[in-house]
Amino acid sequence: QVQLVESGGGLVQAGGSLRLSCAASGRTFTNVDMGWYRQAPGKEREVVAMTRWSWRGYNSDYADSVKDRFTISRDNARNAVYLEMNRLKPEDTAIYYCSVHVADPVPVAYWGLGTQVTVYS
């Protein structure tokens, strides 16, 4: 059973930084996509950043709204994925969810329970 546990959310002033962590367990995560989504009040859940696996290695992609401010990284030895968030803005306020996308034996997306990030001006 795959389990994802997020940590690192909190209350921060605009311009500040936070680092989110996601600890994964329940299977091997070397060859899967891992990343972060967020959902703000009254809005749909949106992808923030993903680190995607292919036979060529890993690639990362970001939502336009966070490019050049957020950095995603993963540590396969620790089954973890991280999101370094810099120059935070009030519009970054949301619940941030860790997600793992598994392709085998069948495509499945796993989710953590989320961690709240609140940015005040």
N, C-alpha and C. Protein backbone atom coordinates (compact mmCIF):
# COMPACT_ATOMS: atom_id res chain seq x y z
N GLN A 1 0.85 -1.18 0.00
CA GLN A 1 0.00 0.00 0.00
C GLN A 1 0.89 1.24 0.00
N VAL A 2 0.72 2.06 -1.03
CA VAL A 2 1.51 3.28 -1.14
C VAL A 2 0.99 4.32 -0.16
N GLN A 3 1.91 4.92 0.56
CA GLN A 3 1.55 6.01 1.48
C GLN A 3 2.47 7.19 1.22
N LEU A 4 1.89 8.38 1.22
CA LEU A 4 2.63 9.62 1.02
C LEU A 4 2.33 10.54 2.19
N VAL A 5 3.37 11.06 2.81
CA VAL A 5 3.20 11.94 3.96
C VAL A 5 3.96 13.24 3.71
N GLU A 6 3.21 14.33 3.63
CA GLU A 6 3.82 15.64 3.41
C GLU A 6 4.15 16.31 4.72
N SER A 7 5.14 17.20 4.67
CA SER A 7 5.49 18.03 5.81
C SER A 7 6.14 19.31 5.30
N GLY A 8 6.22 20.30 6.19
CA GLY A 8 6.95 21.51 5.85
C GLY A 8 6.09 22.72 5.55
N GLY A 9 4.78 22.54 5.51
CA GLY A 9 3.93 23.70 5.28
C GLY A 9 3.93 24.64 6.47
N GLY A 10 3.30 25.80 6.28
CA GLY A 10 3.24 26.75 7.38
C GLY A 10 2.80 28.12 6.93
N LEU A 11 2.99 29.08 7.82
CA LEU A 11 2.63 30.47 7.59
C LEU A 11 3.91 31.27 7.33
N VAL A 12 3.92 32.00 6.23
CA VAL A 12 5.14 32.73 5.87
C VAL A 12 4.76 34.07 5.24
N GLN A 13 5.58 35.04 5.46
CA GLN A 13 5.36 36.35 4.86
C GLN A 13 5.75 36.33 3.38
N ALA A 14 5.07 37.13 2.60
CA ALA A 14 5.39 37.23 1.17
C ALA A 14 6.87 37.55 1.00
N GLY A 15 7.48 36.87 0.03
CA GLY A 15 8.91 37.03 -0.19
C GLY A 15 9.75 35.99 0.52
N GLY A 16 9.12 35.26 1.43
CA GLY A 16 9.83 34.25 2.19
C GLY A 16 9.92 32.92 1.48
N SER A 17 10.41 31.93 2.20
CA SER A 17 10.66 30.60 1.62
C SER A 17 10.12 29.50 2.52
N LEU A 18 9.78 28.39 1.91
CA LEU A 18 9.42 27.17 2.61
C LEU A 18 9.95 25.99 1.82
N ARG A 19 10.18 24.89 2.52
CA ARG A 19 10.60 23.66 1.86
C ARG A 19 9.64 22.55 2.27
N LEU A 20 8.94 22.02 1.29
CA LEU A 20 8.03 20.91 1.53
C LEU A 20 8.75 19.59 1.29
N SER A 21 8.39 18.61 2.10
CA SER A 21 8.94 17.27 1.96
C SER A 21 7.81 16.27 1.84
N CYS A 22 8.07 15.20 1.10
CA CYS A 22 7.09 14.12 0.97
C CYS A 22 7.84 12.81 1.14
N ALA A 23 7.45 12.06 2.14
CA ALA A 23 8.03 10.74 2.38
C ALA A 23 7.09 9.69 1.83
N ALA A 24 7.62 8.85 0.96
CA ALA A 24 6.81 7.82 0.29
C ALA A 24 7.20 6.44 0.79
N SER A 25 6.24 5.55 0.83
CA SER A 25 6.50 4.17 1.24
C SER A 25 5.53 3.24 0.55
N GLY A 26 5.86 1.97 0.52
CA GLY A 26 4.94 0.97 0.00
C GLY A 26 5.35 0.32 -1.30
N ARG A 27 6.34 0.86 -1.98
CA ARG A 27 6.84 0.25 -3.21
C ARG A 27 8.14 0.95 -3.60
N THR A 28 8.69 0.56 -4.73
CA THR A 28 9.85 1.24 -5.29
C THR A 28 9.39 2.46 -6.08
N PHE A 29 10.09 3.57 -5.87
CA PHE A 29 9.67 4.82 -6.52
C PHE A 29 10.69 5.30 -7.54
N THR A 30 11.66 4.48 -7.86
CA THR A 30 12.74 4.92 -8.76
C THR A 30 12.21 5.27 -10.15
N ASN A 31 11.29 4.46 -10.65
CA ASN A 31 10.85 4.62 -12.03
C ASN A 31 9.42 5.12 -12.14
N VAL A 32 9.08 6.09 -11.30
CA VAL A 32 7.75 6.67 -11.34
C VAL A 32 7.87 8.19 -11.35
N ASP A 33 6.78 8.84 -11.74
CA ASP A 33 6.71 10.29 -11.67
C ASP A 33 6.28 10.69 -10.27
N MET A 34 6.94 11.70 -9.74
CA MET A 34 6.60 12.20 -8.41
C MET A 34 6.50 13.72 -8.47
N GLY A 35 5.62 14.28 -7.67
CA GLY A 35 5.53 15.72 -7.72
C GLY A 35 4.54 16.32 -6.76
N TRP A 36 4.20 17.57 -7.06
CA TRP A 36 3.38 18.37 -6.17
C TRP A 36 2.24 19.04 -6.94
N TYR A 37 1.08 19.01 -6.31
CA TYR A 37 -0.08 19.74 -6.77
C TYR A 37 -0.51 20.68 -5.65
N ARG A 38 -1.38 21.59 -5.98
CA ARG A 38 -1.94 22.46 -4.95
C ARG A 38 -3.39 22.80 -5.27
N GLN A 39 -4.13 23.12 -4.21
CA GLN A 39 -5.52 23.52 -4.38
C GLN A 39 -5.81 24.68 -3.46
N ALA A 40 -6.15 25.80 -4.05
CA ALA A 40 -6.53 26.98 -3.29
C ALA A 40 -8.03 26.98 -3.06
N PRO A 41 -8.51 27.69 -2.05
CA PRO A 41 -9.96 27.73 -1.77
C PRO A 41 -10.75 28.18 -2.99
N GLY A 42 -11.76 27.41 -3.34
CA GLY A 42 -12.62 27.76 -4.46
C GLY A 42 -12.03 27.48 -5.83
N LYS A 43 -10.86 26.86 -5.87
CA LYS A 43 -10.21 26.59 -7.16
C LYS A 43 -9.97 25.10 -7.31
N GLU A 44 -9.73 24.69 -8.56
CA GLU A 44 -9.43 23.30 -8.83
C GLU A 44 -7.97 22.99 -8.46
N ARG A 45 -7.73 21.72 -8.22
CA ARG A 45 -6.37 21.28 -7.96
C ARG A 45 -5.54 21.45 -9.24
N GLU A 46 -4.33 21.96 -9.08
CA GLU A 46 -3.46 22.19 -10.22
C GLU A 46 -2.07 21.63 -9.95
N VAL A 47 -1.40 21.24 -11.02
CA VAL A 47 -0.04 20.74 -10.88
C VAL A 47 0.88 21.92 -10.64
N VAL A 48 1.82 21.73 -9.74
CA VAL A 48 2.82 22.75 -9.44
C VAL A 48 4.16 22.37 -10.07
N ALA A 49 4.61 21.16 -9.79
CA ALA A 49 5.89 20.69 -10.31
C ALA A 49 5.91 19.17 -10.28
N MET A 50 6.53 18.61 -11.30
CA MET A 50 6.66 17.16 -11.38
C MET A 50 8.09 16.79 -11.76
N THR A 51 8.57 15.71 -11.22
CA THR A 51 9.81 15.11 -11.69
C THR A 51 9.43 13.78 -12.32
N ARG A 52 9.72 13.68 -13.61
CA ARG A 52 9.20 12.57 -14.41
C ARG A 52 10.34 11.64 -14.82
N TRP A 53 10.04 10.35 -14.73
CA TRP A 53 11.03 9.34 -15.07
C TRP A 53 10.86 8.88 -16.51
N SER A 54 11.97 8.67 -17.19
CA SER A 54 11.97 7.97 -18.47
C SER A 54 13.28 7.19 -18.54
N TRP A 55 13.41 6.37 -19.57
CA TRP A 55 14.63 5.57 -19.67
C TRP A 55 15.85 6.45 -19.86
N ARG A 56 15.63 7.72 -20.25
CA ARG A 56 16.74 8.66 -20.41
C ARG A 56 17.14 9.29 -19.08
N GLY A 57 16.29 9.13 -18.06
CA GLY A 57 16.58 9.77 -16.78
C GLY A 57 15.39 10.55 -16.30
N TYR A 58 15.64 11.56 -15.48
CA TYR A 58 14.57 12.36 -14.89
C TYR A 58 14.52 13.75 -15.50
N ASN A 59 13.32 14.23 -15.69
CA ASN A 59 13.09 15.60 -16.12
C ASN A 59 12.09 16.25 -15.18
N SER A 60 12.24 17.55 -15.02
CA SER A 60 11.32 18.28 -14.16
C SER A 60 10.55 19.31 -14.98
N ASP A 61 9.31 19.50 -14.64
CA ASP A 61 8.55 20.57 -15.27
C ASP A 61 7.72 21.29 -14.22
N TYR A 62 7.41 22.54 -14.52
CA TYR A 62 6.78 23.45 -13.55
C TYR A 62 5.61 24.19 -14.17
N ALA A 63 4.68 24.53 -13.32
CA ALA A 63 3.63 25.46 -13.74
C ALA A 63 4.27 26.81 -14.03
N ASP A 64 3.74 27.52 -15.01
CA ASP A 64 4.31 28.82 -15.36
C ASP A 64 4.34 29.77 -14.17
N SER A 65 3.36 29.66 -13.30
CA SER A 65 3.25 30.60 -12.18
C SER A 65 4.35 30.42 -11.13
N VAL A 66 5.06 29.29 -11.17
CA VAL A 66 6.08 29.04 -10.15
C VAL A 66 7.49 28.91 -10.73
N LYS A 67 7.58 28.94 -12.06
CA LYS A 67 8.91 28.83 -12.67
C LYS A 67 9.84 29.90 -12.13
N ASP A 68 11.08 29.55 -11.93
CA ASP A 68 12.12 30.44 -11.43
C ASP A 68 11.97 30.78 -9.95
N ARG A 69 10.93 30.25 -9.30
CA ARG A 69 10.76 30.47 -7.85
C ARG A 69 10.79 29.16 -7.08
N PHE A 70 10.24 28.10 -7.68
CA PHE A 70 10.16 26.81 -7.01
C PHE A 70 11.12 25.84 -7.67
N THR A 71 11.65 24.91 -6.85
CA THR A 71 12.53 23.86 -7.37
C THR A 71 12.11 22.53 -6.78
N ILE A 72 11.90 21.56 -7.65
CA ILE A 72 11.55 20.22 -7.21
C ILE A 72 12.79 19.35 -7.26
N SER A 73 12.90 18.45 -6.29
CA SER A 73 14.00 17.50 -6.28
C SER A 73 13.51 16.19 -5.68
N ARG A 74 14.26 15.13 -5.94
CA ARG A 74 13.88 13.84 -5.39
C ARG A 74 15.12 13.12 -4.89
N ASP A 75 14.92 12.29 -3.88
CA ASP A 75 15.99 11.48 -3.32
C ASP A 75 15.49 10.04 -3.35
N ASN A 76 15.91 9.28 -4.33
CA ASN A 76 15.41 7.91 -4.48
C ASN A 76 15.86 7.02 -3.34
N ALA A 77 17.00 7.30 -2.78
CA ALA A 77 17.48 6.49 -1.66
C ALA A 77 16.57 6.64 -0.44
N ARG A 78 15.97 7.80 -0.32
CA ARG A 78 15.07 8.06 0.82
C ARG A 78 13.60 7.96 0.44
N ASN A 79 13.31 7.63 -0.82
CA ASN A 79 11.92 7.61 -1.30
C ASN A 79 11.23 8.93 -0.97
N ALA A 80 11.86 10.01 -1.34
CA ALA A 80 11.35 11.33 -0.98
C ALA A 80 11.38 12.28 -2.16
N VAL A 81 10.47 13.22 -2.12
CA VAL A 81 10.46 14.31 -3.10
C VAL A 81 10.27 15.61 -2.32
N TYR A 82 10.91 16.65 -2.80
CA TYR A 82 10.93 17.93 -2.08
C TYR A 82 10.49 19.06 -3.01
N LEU A 83 10.01 20.12 -2.40
CA LEU A 83 9.67 21.32 -3.16
C LEU A 83 10.22 22.52 -2.41
N GLU A 84 11.24 23.13 -2.97
CA GLU A 84 11.81 24.35 -2.41
C GLU A 84 11.06 25.52 -3.01
N MET A 85 10.45 26.33 -2.15
CA MET A 85 9.61 27.43 -2.62
C MET A 85 10.21 28.74 -2.14
N ASN A 86 10.60 29.57 -3.07
CA ASN A 86 11.22 30.86 -2.77
C ASN A 86 10.36 31.99 -3.31
N ARG A 87 10.61 33.18 -2.79
CA ARG A 87 9.88 34.40 -3.20
C ARG A 87 8.38 34.11 -3.24
N LEU A 88 7.89 33.59 -2.15
CA LEU A 88 6.48 33.21 -2.08
C LEU A 88 5.58 34.43 -2.19
N LYS A 89 4.41 34.20 -2.79
CA LYS A 89 3.42 35.24 -2.99
C LYS A 89 2.12 34.83 -2.32
N PRO A 90 1.26 35.79 -1.97
CA PRO A 90 -0.03 35.42 -1.38
C PRO A 90 -0.82 34.46 -2.26
N GLU A 91 -0.69 34.57 -3.57
CA GLU A 91 -1.42 33.67 -4.45
C GLU A 91 -0.88 32.24 -4.44
N ASP A 92 0.23 32.00 -3.75
CA ASP A 92 0.71 30.64 -3.57
C ASP A 92 0.00 29.93 -2.42
N THR A 93 -0.83 30.66 -1.69
CA THR A 93 -1.57 30.07 -0.58
C THR A 93 -2.48 28.95 -1.08
N ALA A 94 -2.32 27.76 -0.50
CA ALA A 94 -3.08 26.60 -0.93
C ALA A 94 -2.71 25.41 -0.05
N ILE A 95 -3.46 24.34 -0.22
CA ILE A 95 -3.03 23.05 0.33
C ILE A 95 -2.17 22.39 -0.74
N TYR A 96 -1.00 21.95 -0.37
CA TYR A 96 -0.07 21.32 -1.30
C TYR A 96 -0.08 19.82 -1.08
N TYR A 97 -0.26 19.10 -2.17
CA TYR A 97 -0.37 17.65 -2.14
C TYR A 97 0.80 17.00 -2.87
N CYS A 98 1.36 16.01 -2.24
CA CYS A 98 2.35 15.17 -2.90
C CYS A 98 1.60 14.12 -3.73
N SER A 99 2.15 13.80 -4.89
CA SER A 99 1.49 12.81 -5.75
C SER A 99 2.54 11.93 -6.43
N VAL A 100 2.20 10.68 -6.56
CA VAL A 100 3.03 9.70 -7.26
C VAL A 100 2.18 9.06 -8.34
N HIS A 101 2.70 9.03 -9.55
CA HIS A 101 1.99 8.45 -10.68
C HIS A 101 2.70 7.16 -11.08
N VAL A 102 2.00 6.06 -10.89
CA VAL A 102 2.56 4.75 -11.16
C VAL A 102 1.96 4.23 -12.45
N ALA A 103 2.79 3.61 -13.30
CA ALA A 103 2.30 3.12 -14.59
C ALA A 103 2.06 1.61 -14.60
N ASP A 104 2.66 0.90 -13.67
CA ASP A 104 2.50 -0.55 -13.69
C ASP A 104 2.16 -1.06 -12.31
N PRO A 105 1.35 -2.12 -12.19
CA PRO A 105 0.79 -2.85 -13.31
C PRO A 105 -0.31 -2.10 -14.07
N VAL A 106 -0.95 -1.13 -13.42
CA VAL A 106 -1.94 -0.29 -14.10
C VAL A 106 -1.70 1.15 -13.69
N PRO A 107 -2.08 2.11 -14.54
CA PRO A 107 -1.87 3.52 -14.17
C PRO A 107 -2.68 3.91 -12.94
N VAL A 108 -1.98 4.42 -11.94
CA VAL A 108 -2.64 4.85 -10.71
C VAL A 108 -1.93 6.10 -10.20
N ALA A 109 -2.71 7.04 -9.69
CA ALA A 109 -2.14 8.22 -9.03
C ALA A 109 -2.42 8.13 -7.54
N TYR A 110 -1.38 8.26 -6.75
CA TYR A 110 -1.51 8.24 -5.30
C TYR A 110 -1.34 9.65 -4.78
N TRP A 111 -2.01 9.93 -3.65
CA TRP A 111 -2.01 11.28 -3.08
C TRP A 111 -1.76 11.24 -1.59
N GLY A 112 -1.06 12.26 -1.12
CA GLY A 112 -0.96 12.47 0.31
C GLY A 112 -2.16 13.25 0.80
N LEU A 113 -2.19 13.52 2.10
CA LEU A 113 -3.31 14.25 2.69
C LEU A 113 -3.16 15.75 2.56
N GLY A 114 -1.96 16.21 2.21
CA GLY A 114 -1.75 17.63 1.98
C GLY A 114 -1.15 18.36 3.17
N THR A 115 -0.51 19.48 2.85
CA THR A 115 0.03 20.37 3.88
C THR A 115 -0.32 21.80 3.50
N GLN A 116 -0.76 22.56 4.47
CA GLN A 116 -1.24 23.92 4.21
C GLN A 116 -0.06 24.89 4.12
N VAL A 117 -0.08 25.69 3.08
CA VAL A 117 0.87 26.80 2.93
C VAL A 117 0.06 28.09 2.87
N THR A 118 0.37 29.00 3.77
CA THR A 118 -0.31 30.29 3.80
C THR A 118 0.72 31.40 3.72
N VAL A 119 0.55 32.26 2.73
CA VAL A 119 1.48 33.37 2.50
C VAL A 119 0.72 34.67 2.74
N TYR A 120 1.19 35.49 3.67
CA TYR A 120 0.52 36.75 3.97
C TYR A 120 1.37 37.93 3.52
N SER A 121 0.68 38.99 3.18
CA SER A 121 1.40 40.18 2.69
C SER A 121 1.58 41.22 3.79
